[in-house]
Amino acid sequence: MSWSTTLKNRQRIRAQLESGEGIAVMFSDIRGFSSFTAREGDDAASRLSQRHVRLLRDRIVQGGGVLIKTLGDGIMAAFASSDEAVDTAIAVQRAIRLENRAAYGDEDIDVGIGISFGSPVMMDGDLIGHAVNLAQRISSEAKGGQILVSEPVCERYALADGLKTISVGKRSLRGIGMEALYEIVWLGEIVRVTDGHDLLTLILTERDTVVLEPAKTLHEAASPRHARGIRKALLRRPKHVAAGRIRDAIALEREHPINQLGVSLRGEDLAVQLAGTEFVLHGVEPESAARFIAAFNRARDAGIGAT
């Protein structure tokens, strides 16, 4: 992407801020980066970070934005409008989805994206202010593959065909307080189900696949120090779960054809059989689980009938 386009985007964003208009701020954050670095080493982490930046840089500029800075495990970008920011975030998540399918043998990239709207101060090419802090906190709330936005972004965003927004309720954001957040649903999903601790979401898509969206805190459970807390929330037979089993569940690929999975309801738990591992979404909402299982079975049976 040419420097002239980047300069033009930067000038437009600066002009809006100088005239008192707001802009959109986006953070993209790689999930599990610290644990990946500890496990695989600094060189592998550097390669993962470079893949992330490569996937984002041109799409940000093409979308009318500016890559403000890279942060090792994430990036910060600015856009003149909420539409540009959200459309770019969708393009990024779609590109990452394709990259993960094609990158055989490479680590999947799991990215949570957060977007806010406001009037930060631009200093020497950097941005500071509440909108920046808010976007960073929102990105930390987003699961891998998820796009979360603040209420002002949701109100300003013009939904394109095939997209929708869902309220994820108010979240307590560190140093900021309670904020209403919304998810931009971009996957072409049919139905979803989430455990009672909001650690992992399963999404059945129109492509007859199931996507796993893990929360940032789930990756922290890969270390023995956090294993006890995760035992109550996820995975089968908590008293037998070791950190290695938790890492196995987290390390699963993010998208799978439905014929690779099995799901069943056990009281308030949704048991999932996948790639030789069984894990459990504990405390699922029964109606959501029932809808997910019914839609999953219909899609799987239709696929079997077509073969």
Protein backbone atom coordinates (compact mmCIF):
# COMPACT_ATOMS: atom_id res chain seq x y z
CA MET A 1 0.00 0.00 0.00
CA SER A 2 1.41 3.40 -0.99
CA TRP A 3 2.65 5.91 1.54
CA SER A 4 0.48 8.58 -0.13
CA THR A 5 -2.67 6.65 0.80
CA THR A 6 -1.48 6.31 4.39
CA LEU A 7 -0.70 10.03 4.53
CA LYS A 8 -4.10 10.91 3.09
CA ASN A 9 -5.85 8.74 5.69
CA ARG A 10 -3.78 10.27 8.49
CA GLN A 11 -4.57 13.83 7.35
CA ARG A 12 -8.29 13.06 7.23
CA ILE A 13 -8.23 11.61 10.75
CA ARG A 14 -6.22 14.56 12.08
CA ALA A 15 -8.60 17.04 10.43
CA GLN A 16 -11.60 15.38 12.08
CA LEU A 17 -9.97 15.53 15.50
CA GLU A 18 -8.98 19.17 15.03
CA SER A 19 -12.56 20.07 14.07
CA GLY A 20 -13.93 18.35 17.21
CA GLU A 21 -15.34 15.30 15.43
CA GLY A 22 -14.82 11.83 16.82
CA ILE A 23 -12.91 8.97 15.26
CA ALA A 24 -12.93 5.19 15.71
CA VAL A 25 -10.05 3.46 17.52
CA MET A 26 -9.37 -0.24 17.00
CA PHE A 27 -7.20 -2.69 18.93
CA SER A 28 -6.43 -6.18 17.68
CA ASP A 29 -4.95 -8.53 20.26
CA ILE A 30 -3.46 -12.02 19.71
CA ARG A 31 -4.93 -14.55 22.12
CA GLY A 32 -2.54 -16.74 24.10
CA PHE A 33 0.55 -14.83 22.99
CA SER A 34 2.34 -14.95 26.36
CA SER A 35 1.78 -18.68 26.85
CA PHE A 36 2.75 -19.32 23.20
CA THR A 37 5.98 -17.37 23.70
CA ALA A 38 6.83 -19.30 26.88
CA ARG A 39 6.09 -22.60 25.13
CA GLU A 40 7.60 -22.02 21.68
CA GLY A 41 10.25 -19.35 22.29
CA ASP A 42 10.89 -15.78 21.20
CA ASP A 43 11.66 -16.55 17.54
CA ALA A 44 8.35 -18.35 17.03
CA ALA A 45 6.52 -15.55 18.83
CA SER A 46 8.18 -12.99 16.57
CA ARG A 47 7.04 -14.90 13.47
CA LEU A 48 3.48 -15.08 14.82
CA SER A 49 3.51 -11.35 15.54
CA GLN A 50 4.80 -10.58 12.04
CA ARG A 51 2.05 -12.71 10.47
CA HIS A 52 -0.51 -10.77 12.49
CA VAL A 53 0.84 -7.38 11.39
CA ARG A 54 1.11 -8.53 7.77
CA LEU A 55 -2.54 -9.59 7.75
CA LEU A 56 -3.67 -6.27 9.22
CA ARG A 57 -1.44 -3.54 7.79
CA ASP A 58 -2.72 -3.30 4.21
CA ARG A 59 -6.33 -3.99 5.17
CA ILE A 60 -6.25 -1.11 7.64
CA VAL A 61 -4.95 1.31 5.01
CA GLN A 62 -7.33 -0.01 2.35
CA GLY A 63 -10.18 0.51 4.82
CA GLY A 64 -9.33 4.18 5.23
CA GLY A 65 -7.39 3.81 8.47
CA VAL A 66 -3.91 4.26 9.88
CA LEU A 67 -1.83 1.70 11.74
CA ILE A 68 -0.84 3.80 14.75
CA LYS A 69 1.52 1.29 16.36
CA THR A 70 2.33 -2.36 16.85
CA LEU A 71 2.43 -3.81 20.37
CA GLY A 72 4.07 -7.21 20.01
CA ASP A 73 0.88 -9.15 20.64
CA GLY A 74 -1.40 -6.57 19.06
CA ILE A 75 -1.89 -3.42 17.04
CA MET A 76 -3.64 -0.08 17.42
CA ALA A 77 -5.32 1.63 14.47
CA ALA A 78 -7.50 4.69 13.88
CA PHE A 79 -10.30 5.36 11.38
CA ALA A 80 -12.33 8.40 10.42
CA SER A 81 -15.61 6.51 10.86
CA SER A 82 -17.13 3.58 12.68
CA ASP A 83 -18.15 2.04 9.35
CA GLU A 84 -14.54 1.98 8.16
CA ALA A 85 -13.29 0.52 11.44
CA VAL A 86 -15.90 -2.25 11.64
CA ASP A 87 -15.67 -3.15 7.96
CA THR A 88 -11.90 -3.43 8.32
CA ALA A 89 -12.24 -5.57 11.46
CA ILE A 90 -14.54 -7.93 9.54
CA ALA A 91 -12.07 -8.08 6.64
CA VAL A 92 -9.28 -8.88 9.11
CA GLN A 93 -11.18 -11.69 10.84
CA ARG A 94 -12.14 -13.19 7.48
CA ALA A 95 -8.52 -13.03 6.31
CA ILE A 96 -7.33 -14.68 9.51
CA ARG A 97 -9.93 -17.41 9.06
CA LEU A 98 -8.56 -18.14 5.58
CA GLU A 99 -4.97 -17.91 6.80
CA ASN A 100 -5.60 -20.45 9.53
CA ARG A 101 -7.08 -22.87 7.00
CA ALA A 102 -4.12 -22.52 4.65
CA ALA A 103 -1.26 -22.36 7.17
CA TYR A 104 -0.72 -26.09 7.61
CA GLY A 105 1.73 -26.76 10.41
CA ASP A 106 1.73 -23.14 11.56
CA GLU A 107 0.15 -21.82 14.73
CA ASP A 108 -3.43 -20.60 14.28
CA ILE A 109 -3.80 -16.87 14.84
CA ASP A 110 -6.52 -16.10 17.37
CA VAL A 111 -7.42 -12.42 17.48
CA GLY A 112 -9.90 -10.46 19.57
CA ILE A 113 -10.81 -7.02 18.21
CA GLY A 114 -12.23 -4.07 20.15
CA ILE A 115 -13.46 -0.77 18.69
CA SER A 116 -14.46 2.47 20.43
CA PHE A 117 -15.45 5.95 19.27
CA GLY A 118 -14.29 9.26 20.71
CA SER A 119 -11.95 12.21 20.44
CA PRO A 120 -8.46 11.17 21.54
CA VAL A 121 -5.49 13.51 21.34
CA MET A 122 -3.02 12.92 18.51
CA MET A 123 0.59 13.51 19.57
CA ASP A 124 3.57 12.79 17.30
CA GLY A 125 1.55 10.23 15.37
CA ASP A 126 0.32 8.48 18.53
CA LEU A 127 -3.11 8.68 20.16
CA ILE A 128 -3.91 9.07 23.86
CA GLY A 129 -7.20 9.44 25.70
CA HIS A 130 -10.30 7.65 26.92
CA ALA A 131 -11.27 6.22 23.52
CA VAL A 132 -7.84 4.56 23.27
CA ASN A 133 -8.05 3.05 26.75
CA LEU A 134 -11.60 1.90 26.09
CA ALA A 135 -10.76 0.19 22.78
CA GLN A 136 -7.88 -1.64 24.42
CA ARG A 137 -10.06 -2.85 27.28
CA ILE A 138 -12.79 -3.95 24.85
CA SER A 139 -10.28 -5.95 22.82
CA SER A 140 -9.27 -7.78 26.01
CA GLU A 141 -12.91 -8.78 26.49
CA ALA A 142 -13.24 -10.17 22.96
CA LYS A 143 -12.86 -13.88 22.39
CA GLY A 144 -10.67 -15.21 19.60
CA GLY A 145 -12.43 -14.43 16.31
CA GLN A 146 -14.79 -11.95 17.95
CA ILE A 147 -15.35 -8.25 17.21
CA LEU A 148 -16.70 -6.23 20.16
CA VAL A 149 -17.64 -2.55 19.93
CA SER A 150 -18.80 0.18 22.26
CA GLU A 151 -22.37 1.48 22.17
CA PRO A 152 -21.50 4.65 20.17
CA VAL A 153 -19.83 2.48 17.50
CA CYS A 154 -22.85 0.18 17.34
CA GLU A 155 -25.20 3.16 16.98
CA ARG A 156 -23.14 4.64 14.14
CA TYR A 157 -22.43 1.45 12.21
CA ALA A 158 -24.59 0.88 9.12
CA LEU A 159 -25.15 -2.88 8.99
CA ALA A 160 -24.46 -4.49 5.64
CA ASP A 161 -26.47 -7.44 4.33
CA GLY A 162 -25.75 -10.68 6.17
CA LEU A 163 -24.42 -8.94 9.28
CA LYS A 164 -26.04 -8.30 12.64
CA THR A 165 -25.17 -7.05 16.09
CA ILE A 166 -25.90 -8.66 19.43
CA SER A 167 -25.71 -7.11 22.86
CA VAL A 168 -23.31 -8.95 25.15
CA GLY A 169 -24.46 -6.88 28.12
CA LYS A 170 -22.53 -4.55 30.36
CA ARG A 171 -18.97 -5.47 31.26
CA SER A 172 -16.79 -4.12 34.05
CA LEU A 173 -13.67 -2.82 32.31
CA ARG A 174 -10.55 -2.30 34.40
CA GLY A 175 -9.93 1.39 35.10
CA ILE A 176 -13.06 2.43 33.19
CA GLY A 177 -16.12 0.92 34.82
CA MET A 178 -19.29 -0.59 33.36
CA GLU A 179 -19.70 -0.35 29.61
CA ALA A 180 -22.40 -1.75 27.31
CA LEU A 181 -20.73 -3.84 24.60
CA TYR A 182 -22.00 -5.28 21.33
CA GLU A 183 -20.72 -8.03 19.07
CA ILE A 184 -20.55 -7.67 15.30
CA VAL A 185 -21.68 -11.07 14.01
CA TRP A 186 -19.78 -11.67 10.79
CA LEU A 187 -19.43 -15.46 10.47
CA GLY A 188 -22.74 -16.27 8.81
CA GLU A 189 -23.74 -18.13 11.92
CA ILE A 190 -26.83 -20.23 12.47
CA VAL A 191 -26.72 -20.64 16.24
CA ARG A 192 -24.31 -20.35 19.17
CA VAL A 193 -23.89 -21.60 22.71
CA THR A 194 -21.62 -20.35 25.52
CA ASP A 195 -20.62 -21.81 28.87
CA GLY A 196 -21.87 -20.19 32.06
CA HIS A 197 -18.52 -18.47 32.69
CA ASP A 198 -18.29 -17.00 29.16
CA LEU A 199 -14.99 -18.77 28.53
CA LEU A 200 -15.80 -20.57 25.29
CA THR A 201 -18.43 -20.09 22.59
CA LEU A 202 -19.32 -22.66 19.94
CA ILE A 203 -20.76 -21.24 16.71
CA LEU A 204 -22.49 -23.33 14.05
CA THR A 205 -22.01 -21.61 10.69
CA GLU A 206 -23.84 -21.71 7.38
CA ARG A 207 -20.79 -23.49 5.93
CA ASP A 208 -21.57 -26.56 8.10
CA THR A 209 -18.63 -25.92 10.38
CA VAL A 210 -18.32 -25.28 14.11
CA VAL A 211 -16.08 -22.41 15.21
CA LEU A 212 -14.54 -22.26 18.69
CA GLU A 213 -14.22 -18.77 20.19
CA PRO A 214 -12.04 -18.94 23.34
CA ALA A 215 -11.89 -16.09 25.85
CA LYS A 216 -8.55 -14.49 26.65
CA THR A 217 -8.73 -15.87 30.20
CA LEU A 218 -9.07 -19.40 28.85
CA HIS A 219 -5.58 -19.18 27.39
CA GLU A 220 -4.24 -18.22 30.82
CA ALA A 221 -5.45 -21.59 32.09
CA ALA A 222 -2.69 -23.25 30.07
CA SER A 223 -0.34 -22.42 32.94
CA PRO A 224 -0.56 -24.55 36.10
CA ARG A 225 -0.97 -21.38 38.16
CA HIS A 226 -4.42 -20.79 36.64
CA ALA A 227 -5.51 -24.40 36.28
CA ARG A 228 -7.54 -24.56 39.49
CA GLY A 229 -9.85 -21.73 38.45
CA ILE A 230 -10.53 -23.21 35.05
CA ARG A 231 -11.41 -26.62 36.47
CA LYS A 232 -14.73 -25.35 37.75
CA ALA A 233 -15.67 -23.83 34.43
CA LEU A 234 -14.56 -26.10 31.62
CA LEU A 235 -13.42 -29.59 30.70
CA ARG A 236 -14.51 -33.01 31.75
CA ARG A 237 -14.09 -34.47 35.27
CA PRO A 238 -12.50 -31.42 36.87
CA LYS A 239 -10.62 -33.36 39.56
CA HIS A 240 -8.69 -35.24 36.85
CA VAL A 241 -7.88 -32.26 34.63
CA ALA A 242 -4.19 -31.32 34.42
CA ALA A 243 -2.63 -28.31 32.76
CA GLY A 244 -1.63 -30.50 29.81
CA ARG A 245 -5.26 -31.43 29.15
CA ILE A 246 -6.21 -27.77 29.29
CA ARG A 247 -3.49 -26.91 26.77
CA ASP A 248 -4.77 -29.70 24.52
CA ALA A 249 -8.26 -28.19 24.50
CA ILE A 250 -7.01 -24.67 23.86
CA ALA A 251 -4.67 -25.83 21.09
CA LEU A 252 -7.50 -27.31 19.01
CA GLU A 253 -7.99 -25.68 15.63
CA ARG A 254 -10.62 -22.98 15.68
CA GLU A 255 -12.92 -24.29 12.91
CA HIS A 256 -14.05 -27.84 12.25
CA PRO A 257 -16.48 -29.58 9.86
CA ILE A 258 -19.53 -30.80 11.77
CA ASN A 259 -18.73 -34.43 10.94
CA GLN A 260 -15.64 -34.12 13.16
CA LEU A 261 -17.66 -33.29 16.28
CA GLY A 262 -20.16 -34.83 18.61
CA VAL A 263 -22.28 -32.85 21.07
CA SER A 264 -24.65 -33.94 23.82
CA LEU A 265 -26.40 -32.33 26.78
CA ARG A 266 -25.70 -33.63 30.27
CA GLY A 267 -27.84 -31.65 32.65
CA GLU A 268 -26.43 -28.12 32.49
CA ASP A 269 -23.26 -29.24 30.72
CA LEU A 270 -22.69 -29.47 26.97
CA ALA A 271 -20.23 -32.28 26.23
CA VAL A 272 -18.17 -31.91 23.06
CA GLN A 273 -16.14 -34.70 21.47
CA LEU A 274 -13.49 -33.40 19.12
CA ALA A 275 -10.14 -34.66 17.82
CA GLY A 276 -9.82 -37.32 20.48
CA THR A 277 -10.56 -34.85 23.28
CA GLU A 278 -13.74 -34.44 25.26
CA PHE A 279 -14.40 -31.16 27.00
CA VAL A 280 -17.47 -29.72 28.63
CA LEU A 281 -19.10 -26.31 28.54
CA HIS A 282 -20.29 -26.08 32.13
CA GLY A 283 -23.43 -24.20 33.13
CA VAL A 284 -24.82 -23.61 29.64
CA GLU A 285 -28.26 -22.05 29.30
CA PRO A 286 -30.50 -25.09 28.60
CA GLU A 287 -32.58 -23.49 25.84
CA SER A 288 -29.46 -22.24 24.03
CA ALA A 289 -27.88 -25.70 24.30
CA ALA A 290 -31.03 -27.39 23.01
CA ARG A 291 -31.23 -25.01 20.03
CA PHE A 292 -27.56 -25.60 19.26
CA ILE A 293 -27.86 -29.39 19.41
CA ALA A 294 -31.03 -29.41 17.28
CA ALA A 295 -29.46 -27.18 14.60
CA PHE A 296 -26.21 -29.17 14.75
CA ASN A 297 -28.05 -32.47 14.23
CA ARG A 298 -30.11 -31.07 11.35
CA ALA A 299 -26.99 -29.78 9.60
CA ARG A 300 -25.08 -33.00 10.17
CA ASP A 301 -27.97 -35.19 8.97
CA ALA A 302 -28.42 -33.03 5.89
CA GLY A 303 -24.72 -33.37 5.14
CA ILE A 304 -24.86 -37.13 5.52
CA GLY A 305 -27.92 -37.28 3.26
CA ALA A 306 -26.11 -35.28 0.58
CA THR A 307 -23.09 -37.62 0.48
